Amino acid sequence: MDIILVPLLLLCKTVISLAEIVVIADVVMGWLVMANILNTTNQFVHAILDSISRISEFMLRPVRKRIPINAGALDISPVILLLLLKFIEYIIDRIYLKFF
């Protein structure tokens, strides 16, 4: 059982870490676009922005459905998603420590 479960837990932690990086990158790149630091007419920048926003939107959509955003309000869905990911990561750590 340990032969399968431990690598699976480590894989889940890696996927969660990558998801956290994508969400943070999406937020930071959104700020850079709003400040006109990133040129969205550049095809390379546009491709990176599009791919990161598609991945993060896939993860943020369920959070945004449960927490509606009023017009002009601050979008806190990335913060809530990051907290949920950290909570899941903490649960995985506790399960991992149970085996060692």
PDB file of N, CA and C in Angstrom:
ATOM      1  N   MET A   1       0.827  -1.194   0.000  1.00  0.00           N
ATOM      2  CA  MET A   1       0.000   0.000   0.000  1.00  0.00           C
ATOM      3  C   MET A   1       0.870   1.257   0.000  1.00  0.00           C
ATOM      4  N   ASP A   2       1.964   1.247   0.779  1.00  0.00           N
ATOM      5  CA  ASP A   2       2.854   2.407   0.830  1.00  0.00           C
ATOM      6  C   ASP A   2       3.538   2.656  -0.508  1.00  0.00           C
ATOM      7  N   ILE A   3       3.734   1.589  -1.274  1.00  0.00           N
ATOM      8  CA  ILE A   3       4.423   1.717  -2.552  1.00  0.00           C
ATOM      9  C   ILE A   3       3.606   2.572  -3.522  1.00  0.00           C
ATOM     10  N   ILE A   4       2.307   2.507  -3.432  1.00  0.00           N
ATOM     11  CA  ILE A   4       1.451   3.271  -4.329  1.00  0.00           C
ATOM     12  C   ILE A   4       1.050   4.613  -3.716  1.00  0.00           C
ATOM     13  N   LEU A   5       0.742   4.614  -2.432  1.00  0.00           N
ATOM     14  CA  LEU A   5       0.172   5.804  -1.804  1.00  0.00           C
ATOM     15  C   LEU A   5       1.178   6.941  -1.659  1.00  0.00           C
ATOM     16  N   VAL A   6       2.397   6.648  -1.246  1.00  0.00           N
ATOM     17  CA  VAL A   6       3.383   7.710  -1.017  1.00  0.00           C
ATOM     18  C   VAL A   6       3.724   8.449  -2.311  1.00  0.00           C
ATOM     19  N   PRO A   7       4.034   7.760  -3.423  1.00  0.00           N
ATOM     20  CA  PRO A   7       4.281   8.517  -4.661  1.00  0.00           C
ATOM     21  C   PRO A   7       3.046   9.277  -5.146  1.00  0.00           C
ATOM     22  N   LEU A   8       1.859   8.711  -4.908  1.00  0.00           N
ATOM     23  CA  LEU A   8       0.633   9.398  -5.289  1.00  0.00           C
ATOM     24  C   LEU A   8       0.443  10.673  -4.477  1.00  0.00           C
ATOM     25  N   LEU A   9       0.750  10.631  -3.197  1.00  0.00           N
ATOM     26  CA  LEU A   9       0.665  11.829  -2.358  1.00  0.00           C
ATOM     27  C   LEU A   9       1.677  12.883  -2.805  1.00  0.00           C
ATOM     28  N   LEU A  10       2.883  12.445  -3.131  1.00  0.00           N
ATOM     29  CA  LEU A  10       3.895  13.388  -3.600  1.00  0.00           C
ATOM     30  C   LEU A  10       3.511  13.994  -4.951  1.00  0.00           C
ATOM     31  N   LEU A  11       2.891  13.210  -5.812  1.00  0.00           N
ATOM     32  CA  LEU A  11       2.410  13.730  -7.090  1.00  0.00           C
ATOM     33  C   LEU A  11       1.314  14.773  -6.868  1.00  0.00           C
ATOM     34  N   CYS A  12       0.406  14.494  -5.940  1.00  0.00           N
ATOM     35  CA  CYS A  12      -0.657  15.456  -5.622  1.00  0.00           C
ATOM     36  C   CYS A  12      -0.070  16.754  -5.080  1.00  0.00           C
ATOM     37  N   LYS A  13       0.934  16.657  -4.223  1.00  0.00           N
ATOM     38  CA  LYS A  13       1.572  17.869  -3.688  1.00  0.00           C
ATOM     39  C   LYS A  13       2.243  18.673  -4.806  1.00  0.00           C
ATOM     40  N   THR A  14       2.846  17.987  -5.761  1.00  0.00           N
ATOM     41  CA  THR A  14       3.490  18.672  -6.874  1.00  0.00           C
ATOM     42  C   THR A  14       2.464  19.385  -7.749  1.00  0.00           C
ATOM     43  N   VAL A  15       1.348  18.722  -8.014  1.00  0.00           N
ATOM     44  CA  VAL A  15       0.289  19.334  -8.815  1.00  0.00           C
ATOM     45  C   VAL A  15      -0.289  20.550  -8.093  1.00  0.00           C
ATOM     46  N   ILE A  16      -0.465  20.452  -6.785  1.00  0.00           N
ATOM     47  CA  ILE A  16      -0.975  21.584  -6.009  1.00  0.00           C
ATOM     48  C   ILE A  16       0.014  22.742  -6.047  1.00  0.00           C
ATOM     49  N   SER A  17       1.295  22.447  -5.925  1.00  0.00           N
ATOM     50  CA  SER A  17       2.309  23.503  -5.993  1.00  0.00           C
ATOM     51  C   SER A  17       2.306  24.190  -7.354  1.00  0.00           C
ATOM     52  N   LEU A  18       2.169  23.427  -8.418  1.00  0.00           N
ATOM     53  CA  LEU A  18       2.094  24.018  -9.756  1.00  0.00           C
ATOM     54  C   LEU A  18       0.834  24.863  -9.914  1.00  0.00           C
ATOM     55  N   ALA A  19      -0.275  24.411  -9.348  1.00  0.00           N
ATOM     56  CA  ALA A  19      -1.515  25.184  -9.410  1.00  0.00           C
ATOM     57  C   ALA A  19      -1.361  26.505  -8.663  1.00  0.00           C
ATOM     58  N   GLU A  20      -0.683  26.480  -7.521  1.00  0.00           N
ATOM     59  CA  GLU A  20      -0.438  27.714  -6.772  1.00  0.00           C
ATOM     60  C   GLU A  20       0.405  28.694  -7.591  1.00  0.00           C
ATOM     61  N   ILE A  21       1.422  28.183  -8.256  1.00  0.00           N
ATOM     62  CA  ILE A  21       2.295  29.031  -9.075  1.00  0.00           C
ATOM     63  C   ILE A  21       1.503  29.651 -10.224  1.00  0.00           C
ATOM     64  N   VAL A  22       0.631  28.876 -10.863  1.00  0.00           N
ATOM     65  CA  VAL A  22      -0.162  29.383 -11.978  1.00  0.00           C
ATOM     66  C   VAL A  22      -1.117  30.479 -11.508  1.00  0.00           C
ATOM     67  N   VAL A  23      -1.757  30.286 -10.367  1.00  0.00           N
ATOM     68  CA  VAL A  23      -2.699  31.294  -9.859  1.00  0.00           C
ATOM     69  C   VAL A  23      -1.955  32.585  -9.504  1.00  0.00           C
ATOM     70  N   ILE A  24      -0.822  32.462  -8.843  1.00  0.00           N
ATOM     71  CA  ILE A  24      -0.040  33.652  -8.486  1.00  0.00           C
ATOM     72  C   ILE A  24       0.469  34.350  -9.743  1.00  0.00           C
ATOM     73  N   ALA A  25       0.923  33.573 -10.727  1.00  0.00           N
ATOM     74  CA  ALA A  25       1.403  34.169 -11.982  1.00  0.00           C
ATOM     75  C   ALA A  25       0.273  34.891 -12.706  1.00  0.00           C
ATOM     76  N   ASP A  26      -0.928  34.330 -12.672  1.00  0.00           N
ATOM     77  CA  ASP A  26      -2.061  34.982 -13.323  1.00  0.00           C
ATOM     78  C   ASP A  26      -2.392  36.312 -12.657  1.00  0.00           C
ATOM     79  N   VAL A  27      -2.369  36.341 -11.344  1.00  0.00           N
ATOM     80  CA  VAL A  27      -2.663  37.581 -10.624  1.00  0.00           C
ATOM     81  C   VAL A  27      -1.600  38.633 -10.916  1.00  0.00           C
ATOM     82  N   VAL A  28      -0.334  38.253 -10.844  1.00  0.00           N
ATOM     83  CA  VAL A  28       0.754  39.207 -11.078  1.00  0.00           C
ATOM     84  C   VAL A  28       0.742  39.699 -12.521  1.00  0.00           C
ATOM     85  N   MET A  29       0.513  38.793 -13.464  1.00  0.00           N
ATOM     86  CA  MET A  29       0.482  39.217 -14.861  1.00  0.00           C
ATOM     87  C   MET A  29      -0.723  40.110 -15.137  1.00  0.00           C
ATOM     88  N   GLY A  30      -1.829  39.871 -14.459  1.00  0.00           N
ATOM     89  CA  GLY A  30      -2.976  40.757 -14.589  1.00  0.00           C
ATOM     90  C   GLY A  30      -2.652  42.164 -14.105  1.00  0.00           C
ATOM     91  N   TRP A  31      -1.931  42.250 -13.002  1.00  0.00           N
ATOM     92  CA  TRP A  31      -1.506  43.559 -12.495  1.00  0.00           C
ATOM     93  C   TRP A  31      -0.563  44.246 -13.492  1.00  0.00           C
ATOM     94  N   LEU A  32       0.352  43.476 -14.064  1.00  0.00           N
ATOM     95  CA  LEU A  32       1.311  44.050 -15.015  1.00  0.00           C
ATOM     96  C   LEU A  32       0.622  44.525 -16.286  1.00  0.00           C
ATOM     97  N   VAL A  33      -0.419  43.824 -16.716  1.00  0.00           N
ATOM     98  CA  VAL A  33      -1.175  44.267 -17.884  1.00  0.00           C
ATOM     99  C   VAL A  33      -1.944  45.540 -17.557  1.00  0.00           C
ATOM    100  N   MET A  34      -2.552  45.609 -16.382  1.00  0.00           N
ATOM    101  CA  MET A  34      -3.302  46.806 -15.990  1.00  0.00           C
ATOM    102  C   MET A  34      -2.395  48.026 -15.849  1.00  0.00           C
ATOM    103  N   ALA A  35      -1.145  47.804 -15.464  1.00  0.00           N
ATOM    104  CA  ALA A  35      -0.192  48.907 -15.319  1.00  0.00           C
ATOM    105  C   ALA A  35       0.525  49.218 -16.635  1.00  0.00           C
ATOM    106  N   ASN A  36       0.124  48.561 -17.715  1.00  0.00           N
ATOM    107  CA  ASN A  36       0.731  48.745 -19.044  1.00  0.00           C
ATOM    108  C   ASN A  36       2.225  48.448 -19.048  1.00  0.00           C
ATOM    109  N   ILE A  37       2.641  47.505 -18.241  1.00  0.00           N
ATOM    110  CA  ILE A  37       4.040  47.078 -18.246  1.00  0.00           C
ATOM    111  C   ILE A  37       4.235  45.959 -19.269  1.00  0.00           C
ATOM    112  N   LEU A  38       3.237  45.078 -19.369  1.00  0.00           N
ATOM    113  CA  LEU A  38       3.290  44.017 -20.371  1.00  0.00           C
ATOM    114  C   LEU A  38       2.554  44.472 -21.623  1.00  0.00           C
ATOM    115  N   ASN A  39       3.172  44.238 -22.762  1.00  0.00           N
ATOM    116  CA  ASN A  39       2.587  44.603 -24.043  1.00  0.00           C
ATOM    117  C   ASN A  39       1.777  43.415 -24.558  1.00  0.00           C
ATOM    118  N   THR A  40       0.464  43.522 -24.516  1.00  0.00           N
ATOM    119  CA  THR A  40      -0.382  42.400 -24.920  1.00  0.00           C
ATOM    120  C   THR A  40      -0.479  42.245 -26.432  1.00  0.00           C
ATOM    121  N   THR A  41       0.041  43.194 -27.203  1.00  0.00           N
ATOM    122  CA  THR A  41       0.044  43.042 -28.655  1.00  0.00           C
ATOM    123  C   THR A  41       1.179  42.128 -29.121  1.00  0.00           C
ATOM    124  N   ASN A  42       2.158  41.893 -28.262  1.00  0.00           N
ATOM    125  CA  ASN A  42       3.227  40.954 -28.577  1.00  0.00           C
ATOM    126  C   ASN A  42       2.638  39.543 -28.568  1.00  0.00           C
ATOM    127  N   GLN A  43       2.865  38.773 -29.617  1.00  0.00           N
ATOM    128  CA  GLN A  43       2.262  37.445 -29.738  1.00  0.00           C
ATOM    129  C   GLN A  43       2.742  36.488 -28.652  1.00  0.00           C
ATOM    130  N   PHE A  44       4.009  36.542 -28.305  1.00  0.00           N
ATOM    131  CA  PHE A  44       4.540  35.652 -27.274  1.00  0.00           C
ATOM    132  C   PHE A  44       3.917  35.956 -25.921  1.00  0.00           C
ATOM    133  N   VAL A  45       3.859  37.238 -25.571  1.00  0.00           N
ATOM    134  CA  VAL A  45       3.258  37.642 -24.298  1.00  0.00           C
ATOM    135  C   VAL A  45       1.780  37.280 -24.279  1.00  0.00           C
ATOM    136  N   HIS A  46       1.110  37.504 -25.404  1.00  0.00           N
ATOM    137  CA  HIS A  46      -0.317  37.181 -25.488  1.00  0.00           C
ATOM    138  C   HIS A  46      -0.549  35.677 -25.313  1.00  0.00           C
ATOM    139  N   ALA A  47       0.303  34.858 -25.920  1.00  0.00           N
ATOM    140  CA  ALA A  47       0.156  33.408 -25.802  1.00  0.00           C
ATOM    141  C   ALA A  47       0.353  32.950 -24.357  1.00  0.00           C
ATOM    142  N   ILE A  48       1.346  33.511 -23.680  1.00  0.00           N
ATOM    143  CA  ILE A  48       1.583  33.151 -22.282  1.00  0.00           C
ATOM    144  C   ILE A  48       0.422  33.608 -21.408  1.00  0.00           C
ATOM    145  N   LEU A  49      -0.025  34.845 -21.604  1.00  0.00           N
ATOM    146  CA  LEU A  49      -1.161  35.354 -20.832  1.00  0.00           C
ATOM    147  C   LEU A  49      -2.407  34.508 -21.058  1.00  0.00           C
ATOM    148  N   ASP A  50      -2.657  34.147 -22.295  1.00  0.00           N
ATOM    149  CA  ASP A  50      -3.845  33.363 -22.615  1.00  0.00           C
ATOM    150  C   ASP A  50      -3.794  31.980 -21.972  1.00  0.00           C
ATOM    151  N   SER A  51      -2.659  31.310 -22.074  1.00  0.00           N
ATOM    152  CA  SER A  51      -2.564  29.957 -21.514  1.00  0.00           C
ATOM    153  C   SER A  51      -2.655  29.978 -19.988  1.00  0.00           C
ATOM    154  N   ILE A  52      -1.991  30.928 -19.353  1.00  0.00           N
ATOM    155  CA  ILE A  52      -2.050  30.999 -17.889  1.00  0.00           C
ATOM    156  C   ILE A  52      -3.452  31.383 -17.424  1.00  0.00           C
ATOM    157  N   SER A  53      -4.086  32.301 -18.126  1.00  0.00           N
ATOM    158  CA  SER A  53      -5.431  32.701 -17.706  1.00  0.00           C
ATOM    159  C   SER A  53      -6.446  31.585 -17.926  1.00  0.00           C
ATOM    160  N   ARG A  54      -6.282  30.786 -18.967  1.00  0.00           N
ATOM    161  CA  ARG A  54      -7.190  29.647 -19.184  1.00  0.00           C
ATOM    162  C   ARG A  54      -7.039  28.608 -18.080  1.00  0.00           C
ATOM    163  N   ILE A  55      -5.806  28.315 -17.698  1.00  0.00           N
ATOM    164  CA  ILE A  55      -5.580  27.328 -16.648  1.00  0.00           C
ATOM    165  C   ILE A  55      -6.104  27.837 -15.311  1.00  0.00           C
ATOM    166  N   SER A  56      -5.811  29.076 -14.994  1.00  0.00           N
ATOM    167  CA  SER A  56      -6.257  29.609 -13.701  1.00  0.00           C
ATOM    168  C   SER A  56      -7.770  29.810 -13.678  1.00  0.00           C
ATOM    169  N   GLU A  57      -8.357  30.187 -14.808  1.00  0.00           N
ATOM    170  CA  GLU A  57      -9.814  30.357 -14.851  1.00  0.00           C
ATOM    171  C   GLU A  57     -10.522  29.026 -14.630  1.00  0.00           C
ATOM    172  N   PHE A  58      -9.929  27.945 -15.124  1.00  0.00           N
ATOM    173  CA  PHE A  58     -10.479  26.607 -14.898  1.00  0.00           C
ATOM    174  C   PHE A  58     -10.548  26.306 -13.398  1.00  0.00           C
ATOM    175  N   MET A  59      -9.529  26.728 -12.657  1.00  0.00           N
ATOM    176  CA  MET A  59      -9.509  26.473 -11.211  1.00  0.00           C
ATOM    177  C   MET A  59     -10.339  27.490 -10.441  1.00  0.00           C
ATOM    178  N   LEU A  60     -10.402  28.722 -10.936  1.00  0.00           N
ATOM    179  CA  LEU A  60     -11.102  29.784 -10.216  1.00  0.00           C
ATOM    180  C   LEU A  60     -12.614  29.784 -10.461  1.00  0.00           C
ATOM    181  N   ARG A  61     -13.063  29.189 -11.537  1.00  0.00           N
ATOM    182  CA  ARG A  61     -14.489  29.215 -11.872  1.00  0.00           C
ATOM    183  C   ARG A  61     -15.377  28.655 -10.764  1.00  0.00           C
ATOM    184  N   PRO A  62     -15.066  27.498 -10.159  1.00  0.00           N
ATOM    185  CA  PRO A  62     -15.935  27.014  -9.075  1.00  0.00           C
ATOM    186  C   PRO A  62     -15.961  27.946  -7.860  1.00  0.00           C
ATOM    187  N   VAL A  63     -14.842  28.594  -7.579  1.00  0.00           N
ATOM    188  CA  VAL A  63     -14.797  29.528  -6.451  1.00  0.00           C
ATOM    189  C   VAL A  63     -15.633  30.759  -6.767  1.00  0.00           C
ATOM    190  N   ARG A  64     -15.533  31.246  -7.984  1.00  0.00           N
ATOM    191  CA  ARG A  64     -16.280  32.449  -8.381  1.00  0.00           C
ATOM    192  C   ARG A  64     -17.780  32.191  -8.454  1.00  0.00           C
ATOM    193  N   LYS A  65     -18.181  30.946  -8.711  1.00  0.00           N
ATOM    194  CA  LYS A  65     -19.606  30.634  -8.720  1.00  0.00           C
ATOM    195  C   LYS A  65     -20.201  30.745  -7.313  1.00  0.00           C
ATOM    196  N   ARG A  66     -19.408  30.393  -6.308  1.00  0.00           N
ATOM    197  CA  ARG A  66     -19.904  30.409  -4.937  1.00  0.00           C
ATOM    198  C   ARG A  66     -19.728  31.768  -4.262  1.00  0.00           C
ATOM    199  N   ILE A  67     -18.801  32.571  -4.762  1.00  0.00           N
ATOM    200  CA  ILE A  67     -18.564  33.894  -4.192  1.00  0.00           C
ATOM    201  C   ILE A  67     -18.751  34.909  -5.306  1.00  0.00           C
ATOM    202  N   PRO A  68     -19.943  35.475  -5.418  1.00  0.00           N
ATOM    203  CA  PRO A  68     -20.170  36.440  -6.502  1.00  0.00           C
ATOM    204  C   PRO A  68     -19.382  37.725  -6.273  1.00  0.00           C
ATOM    205  N   ILE A  69     -18.959  38.314  -7.378  1.00  0.00           N
ATOM    206  CA  ILE A  69     -18.180  39.549  -7.324  1.00  0.00           C
ATOM    207  C   ILE A  69     -19.070  40.689  -7.804  1.00  0.00           C
ATOM    208  N   ASN A  70     -19.227  41.688  -6.981  1.00  0.00           N
ATOM    209  CA  ASN A  70     -19.975  42.873  -7.392  1.00  0.00           C
ATOM    210  C   ASN A  70     -19.094  43.729  -8.296  1.00  0.00           C
ATOM    211  N   ALA A  71     -19.717  44.536  -9.117  1.00  0.00           N
ATOM    212  CA  ALA A  71     -18.968  45.403 -10.022  1.00  0.00           C
ATOM    213  C   ALA A  71     -18.118  46.382  -9.214  1.00  0.00           C
ATOM    214  N   GLY A  72     -16.868  46.446  -9.508  1.00  0.00           N
ATOM    215  CA  GLY A  72     -15.960  47.361  -8.820  1.00  0.00           C
ATOM    216  C   GLY A  72     -15.372  46.802  -7.540  1.00  0.00           C
ATOM    217  N   ALA A  73     -15.800  45.619  -7.144  1.00  0.00           N
ATOM    218  CA  ALA A  73     -15.283  45.039  -5.907  1.00  0.00           C
ATOM    219  C   ALA A  73     -13.968  44.308  -6.184  1.00  0.00           C
ATOM    220  N   LEU A  74     -13.214  44.106  -5.142  1.00  0.00           N
ATOM    221  CA  LEU A  74     -11.943  43.397  -5.236  1.00  0.00           C
ATOM    222  C   LEU A  74     -12.199  41.904  -5.405  1.00  0.00           C
ATOM    223  N   ASP A  75     -11.538  41.289  -6.364  1.00  0.00           N
ATOM    224  CA  ASP A  75     -11.694  39.856  -6.617  1.00  0.00           C
ATOM    225  C   ASP A  75     -10.814  39.078  -5.640  1.00  0.00           C
ATOM    226  N   ILE A  76     -11.446  38.425  -4.681  1.00  0.00           N
ATOM    227  CA  ILE A  76     -10.688  37.665  -3.682  1.00  0.00           C
ATOM    228  C   ILE A  76     -10.683  36.171  -3.971  1.00  0.00           C
ATOM    229  N   SER A  77     -11.215  35.771  -5.132  1.00  0.00           N
ATOM    230  CA  SER A  77     -11.259  34.347  -5.457  1.00  0.00           C
ATOM    231  C   SER A  77      -9.871  33.710  -5.558  1.00  0.00           C
ATOM    232  N   PRO A  78      -8.817  34.385  -6.063  1.00  0.00           N
ATOM    233  CA  PRO A  78      -7.496  33.752  -6.034  1.00  0.00           C
ATOM    234  C   PRO A  78      -6.993  33.500  -4.612  1.00  0.00           C
ATOM    235  N   VAL A  79      -7.302  34.403  -3.706  1.00  0.00           N
ATOM    236  CA  VAL A  79      -6.877  34.217  -2.311  1.00  0.00           C
ATOM    237  C   VAL A  79      -7.589  33.013  -1.701  1.00  0.00           C
ATOM    238  N   ILE A  80      -8.883  32.908  -1.965  1.00  0.00           N
ATOM    239  CA  ILE A  80      -9.645  31.781  -1.428  1.00  0.00           C
ATOM    240  C   ILE A  80      -9.150  30.471  -2.032  1.00  0.00           C
ATOM    241  N   LEU A  81      -8.865  30.472  -3.324  1.00  0.00           N
ATOM    242  CA  LEU A  81      -8.343  29.268  -3.966  1.00  0.00           C
ATOM    243  C   LEU A  81      -6.986  28.880  -3.394  1.00  0.00           C
ATOM    244  N   LEU A  82      -6.113  29.854  -3.174  1.00  0.00           N
ATOM    245  CA  LEU A  82      -4.800  29.553  -2.599  1.00  0.00           C
ATOM    246  C   LEU A  82      -4.939  28.999  -1.181  1.00  0.00           C
ATOM    247  N   LEU A  83      -5.864  29.536  -0.404  1.00  0.00           N
ATOM    248  CA  LEU A  83      -6.102  28.999   0.942  1.00  0.00           C
ATOM    249  C   LEU A  83      -6.625  27.569   0.886  1.00  0.00           C
ATOM    250  N   LEU A  84      -7.520  27.285  -0.054  1.00  0.00           N
ATOM    251  CA  LEU A  84      -8.023  25.917  -0.203  1.00  0.00           C
ATOM    252  C   LEU A  84      -6.913  24.956  -0.629  1.00  0.00           C
ATOM    253  N   LEU A  85      -6.060  25.414  -1.541  1.00  0.00           N
ATOM    254  CA  LEU A  85      -4.947  24.564  -1.974  1.00  0.00           C
ATOM    255  C   LEU A  85      -3.974  24.292  -0.825  1.00  0.00           C
ATOM    256  N   LYS A  86      -3.705  25.314  -0.013  1.00  0.00           N
ATOM    257  CA  LYS A  86      -2.830  25.113   1.149  1.00  0.00           C
ATOM    258  C   LYS A  86      -3.462  24.157   2.149  1.00  0.00           C
ATOM    259  N   PHE A  87      -4.782  24.247   2.326  1.00  0.00           N
ATOM    260  CA  PHE A  87      -5.485  23.340   3.232  1.00  0.00           C
ATOM    261  C   PHE A  87      -5.373  21.897   2.743  1.00  0.00           C
ATOM    262  N   ILE A  88      -5.571  21.691   1.441  1.00  0.00           N
ATOM    263  CA  ILE A  88      -5.442  20.343   0.879  1.00  0.00           C
ATOM    264  C   ILE A  88      -4.009  19.845   1.000  1.00  0.00           C
ATOM    265  N   GLU A  89      -3.054  20.740   0.789  1.00  0.00           N
ATOM    266  CA  GLU A  89      -1.647  20.369   0.930  1.00  0.00           C
ATOM    267  C   GLU A  89      -1.326  19.972   2.370  1.00  0.00           C
ATOM    268  N   TYR A  90      -1.928  20.678   3.322  1.00  0.00           N
ATOM    269  CA  TYR A  90      -1.735  20.343   4.732  1.00  0.00           C
ATOM    270  C   TYR A  90      -2.314  18.961   5.039  1.00  0.00           C
ATOM    271  N   ILE A  91      -3.470  18.649   4.495  1.00  0.00           N
ATOM    272  CA  ILE A  91      -4.069  17.322   4.703  1.00  0.00           C
ATOM    273  C   ILE A  91      -3.178  16.243   4.106  1.00  0.00           C
ATOM    274  N   ILE A  92      -2.628  16.487   2.926  1.00  0.00           N
ATOM    275  CA  ILE A  92      -1.723  15.519   2.305  1.00  0.00           C
ATOM    276  C   ILE A  92      -0.478  15.329   3.164  1.00  0.00           C
ATOM    277  N   ASP A  93       0.053  16.416   3.715  1.00  0.00           N
ATOM    278  CA  ASP A  93       1.213  16.304   4.602  1.00  0.00           C
ATOM    279  C   ASP A  93       0.904  15.450   5.824  1.00  0.00           C
ATOM    280  N   ARG A  94      -0.274  15.638   6.400  1.00  0.00           N
ATOM    281  CA  ARG A  94      -0.658  14.849   7.578  1.00  0.00           C
ATOM    282  C   ARG A  94      -0.792  13.372   7.232  1.00  0.00           C
ATOM    283  N   ILE A  95      -1.349  13.072   6.071  1.00  0.00           N
ATOM    284  CA  ILE A  95      -1.451  11.680   5.645  1.00  0.00           C
ATOM    285  C   ILE A  95      -0.079  11.095   5.376  1.00  0.00           C
ATOM    286  N   TYR A  96       0.797  11.883   4.771  1.00  0.00           N
ATOM    287  CA  TYR A  96       2.161  11.434   4.472  1.00  0.00           C
ATOM    288  C   TYR A  96       2.931  11.152   5.761  1.00  0.00           C
ATOM    289  N   LEU A  97       2.781  12.029   6.747  1.00  0.00           N
ATOM    290  CA  LEU A  97       3.483  11.826   8.027  1.00  0.00           C
ATOM    291  C   LEU A  97       2.969  10.625   8.792  1.00  0.00           C
ATOM    292  N   LYS A  98       1.739  10.259   8.507  1.00  0.00           N
ATOM    293  CA  LYS A  98       1.155   9.088   9.186  1.00  0.00           C
ATOM    294  C   LYS A  98       1.897   7.806   8.818  1.00  0.00           C
ATOM    295  N   PHE A  99       2.482   7.785   7.617  1.00  0.00           N
ATOM    296  CA  PHE A  99       3.194   6.591   7.164  1.00  0.00           C
ATOM    297  C   PHE A  99       4.637   6.554   7.626  1.00  0.00           C
ATOM    298  N   PHE A 100       5.161   7.674   8.126  1.00  0.00           N
ATOM    299  CA  PHE A 100       6.569   7.689   8.544  1.00  0.00           C
ATOM    300  C   PHE A 100       6.725   8.099   9.963  1.00  0.00           C
TER     301      PHE A 100
END
